[in-house]
Amino acid sequence: MEYRRAGSGVRSTDARSGEEIMNILDIARKVLMIEADAVFALTQKLDSGFEKAIDIISASKGRIVITGMGKSGLVGKKIAATLSSTGTPSFFMHPAEASHGDLGMVTADDVIIAISNSGETEEIISLIPFLKRFNVTLISLTGNPGSTLARASDVNLDISVREEACTLGIVPTASTTATLAMGDAVAVALLTKRGFREEDFAFFHPRGSLGKKLFVRVKDLMHSGDSLPLTSPAASLTEAVMEISSKRLGTTVIVGTDRKILGVITDGDVRRGIGKWGKAFFDMHARDVMTRNPKTVSEHELAAKVLGIMEKHSITSLIVADEMNSIVGVIHLHDILKQGIV
C-alpha cells in the first residue's frame, strides 16, 4: 500500500489495483452529515398527525406495543425502552412471533406502533386484519406514506430519508437513525405532556446515579450500633484517640450518659492539639478540647444533600441525631461516594 498527500488530506493507493481509496475520515464525515440531514429533514415532516399520535398514546389506558422486523425491530426495542423509562408502559413484540401466539399479549386498550421503512414488511402487514378486527389503534412509522401499512394506520409518521448513508445506498443507516430520532421525539413529547419530573425518572431508575441522589438517605448509609465512635467527656484524650483509630471514621462523638451529643473530636483536632500542647495534650480530657455544638443531620436527610454540606464545610463526617439531639449514627464522606452519589 502506498500513501501520497493530496490537497489537505492523506490518501492511500492500493498498489495492486491502482485505485485510490477515499480517506476514511472523509467517509465517516459523509455518513454523519447524511444522517444529520436526515434527522433535520424530519422537522419539516411533523404535522397534525404527530400531535394526534401523542394524544392517542397519552389517552391510552393500555400499553404501547412496538413491532418491527430486522433493523427496524432493533430500533423499536430502544424506543420501547425509552418510553417505559419515561412513564409510558411499553414492550417490544416481534411481528413473526406475534402471528404464532404473541398476539395474545395485545388488548383492545393497547396502541400498536409498527415500524417499517418500506411499509410493506410482510410480517407486519399480516397483523393488520387482527388489529382491525379487535379495534386496536395502529400508529405506523414508515418511509413511504402511500404504503399498505401507512394507509391502514390510524396515524402515519413519515420517516422517509433522501438517501442512506452507506456507499451502496441500500444498508439501513440514515433511515434507522431517523426512526430512532422520531421515537425520541415521541417519548419527549409524551413526558412533557404528562408533566414527567426528574423524580419520576429516578423512580424508574433506582440504581442509576439520579435515582441514588433522589432516594438514598442518610439512614441507608450511616454507621450505627457498635460501629459508632463514642467517648465520654471525662475520658482522657488517649482514650479518645484510641476510639477514633479503632472505629476508623476520623472522629469520635462526645456523649453524656443519655447519649446526648455534647461535642466532637476529629483526627484534625488531635493533630492540631499535639502541635499546640505537645505531650501535655494526652493528659487532658475530652471535654477540654471537644468542639461543642457540632453540625448534625437527620437520618431522613438525602445523602446527596449531606454531601453538599460536607463539601461546603470541608468535613468528611457528620453526626446523625434525632429530635432530642441524641446520637443515632455517623455518616462518612466515603460511604456516600461509594454509592456513586456525586
Protein backbone atom coordinates (compact mmCIF):
# COMPACT_ATOMS: atom_id res chain seq x y z
CA MET A 1 0.00 0.00 0.00
CA GLU A 2 1.42 3.39 -0.99
CA TYR A 3 0.48 6.75 0.54
CA ARG A 4 0.64 10.19 -1.02
CA ARG A 5 -0.56 13.62 0.02
CA ALA A 6 -3.42 15.07 -1.99
CA GLY A 7 -4.52 18.57 -1.08
CA SER A 8 -5.15 18.81 2.69
CA GLY A 9 -5.82 15.09 3.17
CA VAL A 10 -3.73 11.97 3.06
CA ARG A 11 -4.89 9.40 0.55
CA SER A 12 -3.71 5.87 0.03
CA THR A 13 -3.24 3.95 -3.21
CA ASP A 14 -3.62 0.19 -3.44
CA ALA A 15 -0.51 -0.93 -5.32
CA ARG A 16 -2.37 -4.00 -6.60
CA SER A 17 -5.33 -2.22 -8.21
CA GLY A 18 -4.10 1.31 -8.65
CA GLU A 19 -7.49 2.56 -7.41
CA GLU A 20 -7.45 5.46 -4.98
CA ILE A 21 -9.16 4.76 -1.66
CA MET A 22 -11.09 7.64 -0.10
CA ASN A 23 -9.72 8.91 3.20
CA ILE A 24 -11.52 7.02 5.95
CA LEU A 25 -12.27 10.24 7.81
CA ASP A 26 -13.98 11.65 4.73
CA ILE A 27 -16.21 8.58 4.66
CA ALA A 28 -17.11 8.99 8.32
CA ARG A 29 -17.84 12.69 7.89
CA LYS A 30 -20.09 12.00 4.92
CA VAL A 31 -22.03 9.35 6.87
CA LEU A 32 -22.59 11.73 9.78
CA MET A 33 -23.63 14.58 7.51
CA ILE A 34 -26.15 12.42 5.63
CA GLU A 35 -27.63 11.12 8.87
CA ALA A 36 -27.72 14.60 10.41
CA ASP A 37 -29.54 15.90 7.32
CA ALA A 38 -32.00 13.00 7.53
CA VAL A 39 -32.86 13.83 11.13
CA PHE A 40 -33.15 17.56 10.39
CA ALA A 41 -35.48 16.82 7.47
CA LEU A 42 -37.92 15.21 9.90
CA THR A 43 -38.69 18.63 11.36
CA GLN A 44 -40.31 19.55 8.06
CA LYS A 45 -42.44 16.39 8.09
CA LEU A 46 -44.02 16.96 11.51
CA ASP A 47 -47.69 17.91 11.26
CA SER A 48 -51.02 17.43 12.98
CA GLY A 49 -50.53 13.67 12.62
CA PHE A 50 -47.73 13.78 15.19
CA GLU A 51 -49.98 15.70 17.59
CA LYS A 52 -52.74 13.14 17.04
CA ALA A 53 -50.33 10.29 17.77
CA ILE A 54 -49.29 11.91 21.05
CA ASP A 55 -52.93 12.45 22.03
CA ILE A 56 -53.74 8.80 21.27
CA ILE A 57 -50.82 7.45 23.29
CA SER A 58 -51.33 9.76 26.26
CA ALA A 59 -55.03 8.89 26.42
CA SER A 60 -54.42 5.14 26.15
CA LYS A 61 -55.45 3.00 29.12
CA GLY A 62 -53.29 0.15 27.91
CA ARG A 63 -49.67 -0.26 26.88
CA ILE A 64 -47.69 0.74 23.85
CA VAL A 65 -46.66 -2.28 21.78
CA ILE A 66 -43.76 -1.68 19.41
CA THR A 67 -43.20 -4.04 16.50
CA GLY A 68 -40.76 -4.16 13.60
CA MET A 69 -38.58 -6.59 11.65
CA GLY A 70 -34.79 -6.60 11.34
CA LYS A 71 -33.09 -3.26 11.92
CA SER A 72 -36.49 -1.64 12.46
CA GLY A 73 -37.12 -4.13 15.22
CA LEU A 74 -33.84 -3.29 16.93
CA VAL A 75 -34.71 0.40 16.83
CA GLY A 76 -38.18 -0.47 18.07
CA LYS A 77 -36.73 -2.17 21.14
CA LYS A 78 -34.86 1.00 22.02
CA ILE A 79 -37.98 3.13 21.54
CA ALA A 80 -39.96 0.78 23.78
CA ALA A 81 -37.26 1.01 26.45
CA THR A 82 -37.21 4.82 26.27
CA LEU A 83 -40.99 5.04 26.56
CA SER A 84 -41.07 2.67 29.53
CA SER A 85 -38.34 4.55 31.37
CA THR A 86 -40.22 7.81 30.95
CA GLY A 87 -43.56 6.65 32.30
CA THR A 88 -45.26 5.11 29.27
CA PRO A 89 -45.62 1.31 29.78
CA SER A 90 -44.27 -0.27 26.60
CA PHE A 91 -42.83 -3.52 25.28
CA PHE A 92 -41.50 -4.90 22.03
CA MET A 93 -43.35 -7.63 20.15
CA HIS A 94 -41.61 -9.47 17.32
CA PRO A 95 -44.04 -9.45 14.36
CA ALA A 96 -43.16 -13.01 13.26
CA GLU A 97 -43.74 -14.36 16.77
CA ALA A 98 -46.93 -12.30 17.00
CA SER A 99 -48.57 -14.44 14.31
CA HIS A 100 -47.71 -17.55 16.29
CA GLY A 101 -49.32 -16.71 19.60
CA ASP A 102 -47.76 -13.50 20.90
CA LEU A 103 -50.79 -11.51 19.75
CA GLY A 104 -52.37 -12.86 22.92
CA MET A 105 -50.41 -10.17 24.76
CA VAL A 106 -52.27 -7.40 22.93
CA THR A 107 -55.54 -6.00 24.26
CA ALA A 108 -58.06 -3.60 22.75
CA ASP A 109 -56.78 -0.88 25.11
CA ASP A 110 -53.25 -1.09 23.75
CA VAL A 111 -51.72 1.01 20.98
CA ILE A 112 -49.53 -0.64 18.34
CA ILE A 113 -46.60 1.30 16.89
CA ALA A 114 -45.43 -0.55 13.79
CA ILE A 115 -42.11 0.33 12.17
CA SER A 116 -41.35 -0.46 8.53
CA ASN A 117 -39.30 1.71 6.22
CA SER A 118 -40.95 0.25 3.13
CA GLY A 119 -44.37 -0.03 4.74
CA GLU A 120 -44.74 -3.39 3.04
CA THR A 121 -43.00 -5.71 5.50
CA GLU A 122 -44.90 -8.99 5.13
CA GLU A 123 -44.77 -10.00 8.81
CA ILE A 124 -46.30 -6.66 9.85
CA ILE A 125 -48.87 -6.47 7.06
CA SER A 126 -50.16 -9.87 8.15
CA LEU A 127 -51.08 -8.40 11.56
CA ILE A 128 -53.38 -5.73 10.16
CA PRO A 129 -56.55 -7.92 9.91
CA PHE A 130 -56.20 -8.90 13.57
CA LEU A 131 -55.69 -5.30 14.69
CA LYS A 132 -58.70 -4.14 12.68
CA ARG A 133 -60.88 -6.96 13.94
CA PHE A 134 -60.19 -6.15 17.58
CA ASN A 135 -60.18 -2.39 17.02
CA VAL A 136 -56.59 -1.93 18.20
CA THR A 137 -55.24 1.53 17.42
CA LEU A 138 -52.35 1.42 14.94
CA ILE A 139 -49.66 4.08 14.58
CA SER A 140 -47.01 3.47 11.95
CA LEU A 141 -43.57 4.85 11.21
CA THR A 142 -42.82 4.37 7.53
CA GLY A 143 -40.62 5.78 4.83
CA ASN A 144 -43.50 5.55 2.35
CA PRO A 145 -46.71 7.40 3.31
CA GLY A 146 -48.53 5.67 0.44
CA SER A 147 -47.63 2.15 1.54
CA THR A 148 -50.05 -0.56 2.67
CA LEU A 149 -49.09 -0.14 6.33
CA ALA A 150 -49.35 3.67 6.24
CA ARG A 151 -52.81 3.55 4.61
CA ALA A 152 -54.08 1.01 7.14
CA SER A 153 -52.89 3.05 10.13
CA ASP A 154 -54.87 5.44 12.29
CA VAL A 155 -51.81 7.71 12.17
CA ASN A 156 -48.71 7.50 10.00
CA LEU A 157 -45.49 9.31 10.84
CA ASP A 158 -43.27 9.94 7.83
CA ILE A 159 -39.66 8.87 8.49
CA SER A 160 -38.54 8.83 4.86
CA VAL A 161 -34.97 9.85 4.03
CA ARG A 162 -33.45 11.18 0.81
CA GLU A 163 -30.61 8.65 0.84
CA GLU A 164 -28.96 6.05 3.01
CA ALA A 165 -25.51 6.85 4.36
CA CYS A 166 -23.78 3.74 3.06
CA THR A 167 -21.81 3.88 -0.21
CA LEU A 168 -24.13 1.26 -1.72
CA GLY A 169 -27.22 3.23 -0.80
CA ILE A 170 -29.03 0.15 0.48
CA VAL A 171 -27.85 -0.57 4.03
CA PRO A 172 -30.29 0.86 6.63
CA THR A 173 -28.29 3.73 8.12
CA ALA A 174 -29.87 7.16 7.73
CA SER A 175 -33.33 5.56 7.79
CA THR A 176 -32.75 3.80 11.12
CA THR A 177 -31.24 6.96 12.59
CA ALA A 178 -34.29 8.94 11.52
CA THR A 179 -36.58 6.29 13.01
CA LEU A 180 -34.74 6.39 16.30
CA ALA A 181 -34.92 10.19 16.37
CA MET A 182 -38.66 10.14 15.70
CA GLY A 183 -39.09 7.68 18.56
CA ASP A 184 -37.20 10.04 20.85
CA ALA A 185 -39.41 12.92 19.71
CA VAL A 186 -42.50 10.88 20.63
CA ALA A 187 -41.07 9.97 24.05
CA VAL A 188 -40.04 13.51 24.95
CA ALA A 189 -43.33 14.97 23.73
CA LEU A 190 -45.19 12.47 25.90
CA LEU A 191 -43.17 13.07 29.05
CA THR A 192 -43.60 16.82 28.61
CA LYS A 193 -47.34 16.49 28.06
CA ARG A 194 -47.65 14.36 31.20
CA GLY A 195 -45.52 16.63 33.34
CA PHE A 196 -42.95 13.88 33.89
CA ARG A 197 -40.44 15.09 36.51
CA GLU A 198 -36.87 14.32 37.42
CA GLU A 199 -38.19 12.48 40.49
CA ASP A 200 -40.38 10.30 38.26
CA PHE A 201 -37.40 9.35 36.10
CA ALA A 202 -35.40 8.48 39.21
CA PHE A 203 -38.27 6.26 40.41
CA PHE A 204 -37.81 4.05 37.35
CA HIS A 205 -34.00 4.15 37.72
CA PRO A 206 -33.38 3.43 41.42
CA ARG A 207 -29.92 2.02 40.71
CA GLY A 208 -28.87 4.90 38.47
CA SER A 209 -26.96 7.95 39.69
CA LEU A 210 -30.06 10.14 39.60
CA GLY A 211 -32.10 7.55 41.48
CA LYS A 212 -29.46 7.36 44.18
CA LYS A 213 -29.35 11.14 44.51
CA LEU A 214 -33.10 11.35 44.99
CA PHE A 215 -33.79 8.22 47.04
CA VAL A 216 -30.74 7.20 49.10
CA ARG A 217 -30.99 8.70 52.56
CA VAL A 218 -28.61 9.04 55.47
CA LYS A 219 -30.18 6.12 57.34
CA ASP A 220 -29.29 3.85 54.40
CA LEU A 221 -25.57 4.62 54.69
CA MET A 222 -24.82 5.70 58.27
CA HIS A 223 -22.79 3.74 60.81
CA SER A 224 -24.72 2.83 63.95
CA GLY A 225 -24.69 0.48 66.94
CA ASP A 226 -21.30 -0.94 67.91
CA SER A 227 -19.57 0.80 64.98
CA LEU A 228 -20.26 4.22 66.46
CA PRO A 229 -17.20 6.08 67.86
CA LEU A 230 -18.36 7.27 71.30
CA THR A 231 -16.36 8.88 74.09
CA SER A 232 -17.41 10.26 77.48
CA PRO A 233 -16.50 13.87 78.31
CA ALA A 234 -14.35 12.72 81.26
CA ALA A 235 -12.29 10.30 79.18
CA SER A 236 -8.62 11.02 78.57
CA LEU A 237 -7.55 12.13 75.14
CA THR A 238 -5.59 8.90 74.86
CA GLU A 239 -8.91 7.05 75.08
CA ALA A 240 -10.46 9.45 72.57
CA VAL A 241 -7.62 8.88 70.11
CA MET A 242 -7.96 5.11 70.51
CA GLU A 243 -11.68 5.39 69.74
CA ILE A 244 -11.01 7.46 66.63
CA SER A 245 -8.41 4.95 65.49
CA SER A 246 -10.45 1.80 66.17
CA LYS A 247 -13.70 2.96 64.56
CA ARG A 248 -11.93 4.45 61.52
CA LEU A 249 -14.37 7.26 60.88
CA GLY A 250 -11.94 10.08 61.58
CA THR A 251 -13.93 11.29 64.55
CA THR A 252 -15.39 10.42 67.95
CA VAL A 253 -18.59 11.85 69.36
CA ILE A 254 -18.58 13.07 72.95
CA VAL A 255 -21.82 11.98 74.59
CA GLY A 256 -23.38 12.09 78.02
CA THR A 257 -24.90 9.14 79.83
CA ASP A 258 -28.17 9.64 77.95
CA ARG A 259 -26.33 9.62 74.58
CA LYS A 260 -26.95 13.35 74.24
CA ILE A 261 -24.41 14.91 71.89
CA LEU A 262 -22.04 17.19 73.78
CA GLY A 263 -19.32 17.66 71.20
CA VAL A 264 -16.95 16.04 68.73
CA ILE A 265 -13.23 15.42 68.38
CA THR A 266 -11.81 14.76 64.92
CA ASP A 267 -8.43 13.45 63.82
CA GLY A 268 -7.73 17.00 62.70
CA ASP A 269 -8.37 18.22 66.26
CA VAL A 270 -5.85 15.65 67.50
CA ARG A 271 -3.14 16.83 65.12
CA ARG A 272 -3.72 20.46 65.99
CA GLY A 273 -3.82 19.65 69.73
CA ILE A 274 -0.49 17.84 69.66
CA GLY A 275 1.01 20.74 67.76
CA LYS A 276 -0.30 23.19 70.35
CA TRP A 277 0.22 21.31 73.66
CA GLY A 278 2.71 18.58 72.81
CA LYS A 279 2.79 15.63 75.26
CA ALA A 280 0.54 17.51 77.66
CA PHE A 281 -2.27 17.01 75.19
CA PHE A 282 -2.68 13.38 76.30
CA ASP A 283 -3.09 14.41 79.95
CA MET A 284 -6.16 16.46 79.08
CA HIS A 285 -9.78 15.25 78.94
CA ALA A 286 -12.14 15.01 76.01
CA ARG A 287 -14.32 17.84 77.30
CA ASP A 288 -11.28 20.18 77.27
CA VAL A 289 -10.70 20.07 73.52
CA MET A 290 -14.00 18.91 72.00
CA THR A 291 -15.85 21.12 69.55
CA ARG A 292 -19.18 21.95 71.15
CA ASN A 293 -22.47 22.10 69.24
CA PRO A 294 -21.17 20.15 66.20
CA LYS A 295 -23.12 20.02 62.96
CA THR A 296 -25.69 17.23 62.81
CA VAL A 297 -28.11 15.85 60.24
CA SER A 298 -31.31 13.84 60.36
CA GLU A 299 -31.30 10.18 59.34
CA HIS A 300 -34.10 11.07 56.91
CA GLU A 301 -31.98 13.61 55.01
CA LEU A 302 -30.94 12.81 51.42
CA ALA A 303 -27.37 11.57 51.20
CA ALA A 304 -26.80 13.88 48.22
CA LYS A 305 -27.68 16.90 50.35
CA VAL A 306 -25.32 15.75 53.11
CA LEU A 307 -22.55 15.50 50.54
CA GLY A 308 -23.14 19.15 49.71
CA ILE A 309 -22.89 20.09 53.39
CA MET A 310 -19.61 18.20 53.72
CA GLU A 311 -18.16 19.90 50.66
CA LYS A 312 -19.27 23.35 51.84
CA HIS A 313 -17.67 22.98 55.27
CA SER A 314 -14.69 20.81 54.20
CA ILE A 315 -15.56 17.96 56.57
CA THR A 316 -15.56 14.22 55.99
CA SER A 317 -18.14 13.01 58.51
CA LEU A 318 -21.35 14.19 60.12
CA ILE A 319 -23.19 13.14 63.26
CA VAL A 320 -26.71 11.83 62.75
CA ALA A 321 -29.02 12.99 65.54
CA ASP A 322 -32.67 12.54 66.46
CA GLU A 323 -35.13 15.21 67.54
CA MET A 324 -33.78 15.10 71.13
CA ASN A 325 -30.18 15.65 69.94
CA SER A 326 -29.24 12.10 70.85
CA ILE A 327 -26.83 10.30 68.54
CA VAL A 328 -28.22 7.66 66.18
CA GLY A 329 -25.34 7.37 63.73
CA VAL A 330 -22.37 8.83 61.88
CA ILE A 331 -22.14 9.17 58.11
CA HIS A 332 -18.79 9.44 56.35
CA LEU A 333 -17.93 11.01 53.02
CA HIS A 334 -16.58 7.71 51.68
CA ASP A 335 -19.92 5.97 52.36
CA ILE A 336 -21.64 8.45 50.06
CA LEU A 337 -19.01 8.35 47.32
CA LYS A 338 -19.03 4.53 47.25
CA GLN A 339 -22.68 4.69 46.24
CA GLY A 340 -21.79 6.84 43.23
CA ILE A 341 -23.64 9.84 44.63
CA VAL A 342 -21.75 12.83 43.25
